[in-house]
Amino acid sequence: MKRQPVSSSMISSIGYEPESKTLEIEFNTGAVWQYLDFPKKSWKDFKNADSIGRYFRDYIQDSYEEVRIARKRY
């Protein structure tokens, strides 16, 4: 999935696949997680939020099924 860089102290990039309703987030730690059944409207709100990290904590974290797909490689 193609992700776009964001300015955040906790998140480095975000991407969205509308057909599968999958949100993908790469955290500054290098971990990459996907959030399933994520609505397109919420994607628009998330990518345009004043604070990407705050939006994640308030509206995404612990609210959607999540799958870890990668971790930081050393």
C-alpha atoms as a PDB file:
ATOM      1  CA  MET A   1       0.000   0.000   0.000  1.00  0.00           C
ATOM      2  CA  LYS A   2       1.280   3.453  -0.833  1.00  0.00           C
ATOM      3  CA  ARG A   3       1.614   5.699   2.211  1.00  0.00           C
ATOM      4  CA  GLN A   4       2.123   9.432   2.464  1.00  0.00           C
ATOM      5  CA  PRO A   5       4.490  11.016   4.986  1.00  0.00           C
ATOM      6  CA  VAL A   6       2.912  13.015   7.805  1.00  0.00           C
ATOM      7  CA  SER A   7       4.199  15.447  10.387  1.00  0.00           C
ATOM      8  CA  SER A   8       3.687  13.743  13.738  1.00  0.00           C
ATOM      9  CA  SER A   9       5.748  12.882  16.782  1.00  0.00           C
ATOM     10  CA  MET A  10       4.382   9.309  16.757  1.00  0.00           C
ATOM     11  CA  ILE A  11       3.442   8.496  13.131  1.00  0.00           C
ATOM     12  CA  SER A  12       5.683   8.735  10.065  1.00  0.00           C
ATOM     13  CA  SER A  13       3.280   7.782   7.251  1.00  0.00           C
ATOM     14  CA  ILE A  14      -0.341   6.814   6.549  1.00  0.00           C
ATOM     15  CA  GLY A  15      -2.173   5.173   3.665  1.00  0.00           C
ATOM     16  CA  TYR A  16      -5.634   3.964   2.792  1.00  0.00           C
ATOM     17  CA  GLU A  17      -7.054   1.356   0.422  1.00  0.00           C
ATOM     18  CA  PRO A  18     -10.728   2.228  -0.224  1.00  0.00           C
ATOM     19  CA  GLU A  19     -11.697  -1.080  -1.847  1.00  0.00           C
ATOM     20  CA  SER A  20     -10.750  -3.081   1.241  1.00  0.00           C
ATOM     21  CA  LYS A  21     -11.368  -0.221   3.706  1.00  0.00           C
ATOM     22  CA  THR A  22      -7.885  -0.736   5.139  1.00  0.00           C
ATOM     23  CA  LEU A  23      -5.934   1.991   6.902  1.00  0.00           C
ATOM     24  CA  GLU A  24      -2.179   1.502   7.172  1.00  0.00           C
ATOM     25  CA  ILE A  25      -0.020   3.413   9.629  1.00  0.00           C
ATOM     26  CA  GLU A  26       3.751   3.395   9.941  1.00  0.00           C
ATOM     27  CA  PHE A  27       4.786   4.560  13.380  1.00  0.00           C
ATOM     28  CA  ASN A  28       8.046   6.352  14.104  1.00  0.00           C
ATOM     29  CA  THR A  29       9.250   3.149  15.810  1.00  0.00           C
ATOM     30  CA  GLY A  30       9.184   1.427  12.403  1.00  0.00           C
ATOM     31  CA  ALA A  31       6.157  -0.714  13.236  1.00  0.00           C
ATOM     32  CA  VAL A  32       3.467  -0.874  10.535  1.00  0.00           C
ATOM     33  CA  TRP A  33      -0.117  -1.685  11.454  1.00  0.00           C
ATOM     34  CA  GLN A  34      -3.276  -2.063   9.411  1.00  0.00           C
ATOM     35  CA  TYR A  35      -6.714  -1.130  10.732  1.00  0.00           C
ATOM     36  CA  LEU A  36      -9.560  -3.034   9.096  1.00  0.00           C
ATOM     37  CA  ASP A  37     -13.028  -1.915   8.004  1.00  0.00           C
ATOM     38  CA  PHE A  38     -11.971   1.728   8.313  1.00  0.00           C
ATOM     39  CA  PRO A  39     -14.562   4.091   6.751  1.00  0.00           C
ATOM     40  CA  LYS A  40     -13.565   6.386   3.891  1.00  0.00           C
ATOM     41  CA  LYS A  41     -15.019   9.407   5.727  1.00  0.00           C
ATOM     42  CA  SER A  42     -12.822   8.646   8.723  1.00  0.00           C
ATOM     43  CA  TRP A  43      -9.798   8.415   6.396  1.00  0.00           C
ATOM     44  CA  LYS A  44     -10.507  11.925   5.122  1.00  0.00           C
ATOM     45  CA  ASP A  45     -10.905  13.211   8.688  1.00  0.00           C
ATOM     46  CA  PHE A  46      -7.710  11.451   9.813  1.00  0.00           C
ATOM     47  CA  LYS A  47      -5.444  12.687   7.026  1.00  0.00           C
ATOM     48  CA  ASN A  48      -6.747  16.255   7.455  1.00  0.00           C
ATOM     49  CA  ALA A  49      -6.618  16.314  11.268  1.00  0.00           C
ATOM     50  CA  ASP A  50      -4.698  19.115  12.973  1.00  0.00           C
ATOM     51  CA  SER A  51      -2.962  16.434  15.048  1.00  0.00           C
ATOM     52  CA  ILE A  52      -2.552  13.026  13.406  1.00  0.00           C
ATOM     53  CA  GLY A  53      -1.381  11.475  16.681  1.00  0.00           C
ATOM     54  CA  ARG A  54      -4.280  12.851  18.709  1.00  0.00           C
ATOM     55  CA  TYR A  55      -6.797  11.695  16.092  1.00  0.00           C
ATOM     56  CA  PHE A  56      -5.231   8.233  16.174  1.00  0.00           C
ATOM     57  CA  ARG A  57      -5.431   8.023  19.975  1.00  0.00           C
ATOM     58  CA  ASP A  58      -8.968   9.433  20.168  1.00  0.00           C
ATOM     59  CA  TYR A  59     -10.685   7.716  17.236  1.00  0.00           C
ATOM     60  CA  ILE A  60      -8.637   4.794  15.894  1.00  0.00           C
ATOM     61  CA  GLN A  61      -6.624   3.115  18.650  1.00  0.00           C
ATOM     62  CA  ASP A  62      -8.636   0.278  20.255  1.00  0.00           C
ATOM     63  CA  SER A  63     -11.611   1.017  17.950  1.00  0.00           C
ATOM     64  CA  TYR A  64     -10.810  -1.161  14.911  1.00  0.00           C
ATOM     65  CA  GLU A  65      -9.484  -4.640  14.320  1.00  0.00           C
ATOM     66  CA  GLU A  66      -5.750  -4.271  13.855  1.00  0.00           C
ATOM     67  CA  VAL A  67      -3.006  -6.355  12.276  1.00  0.00           C
ATOM     68  CA  ARG A  68       0.714  -5.768  12.680  1.00  0.00           C
ATOM     69  CA  ILE A  69       2.336  -6.269   9.300  1.00  0.00           C
ATOM     70  CA  ALA A  70       5.918  -5.129   9.891  1.00  0.00           C
ATOM     71  CA  ARG A  71       8.334  -4.071  12.547  1.00  0.00           C
ATOM     72  CA  LYS A  72      11.519  -2.106  12.598  1.00  0.00           C
ATOM     73  CA  ARG A  73      14.480  -3.978  11.201  1.00  0.00           C
ATOM     74  CA  TYR A  74      17.861  -3.537  12.827  1.00  0.00           C
END
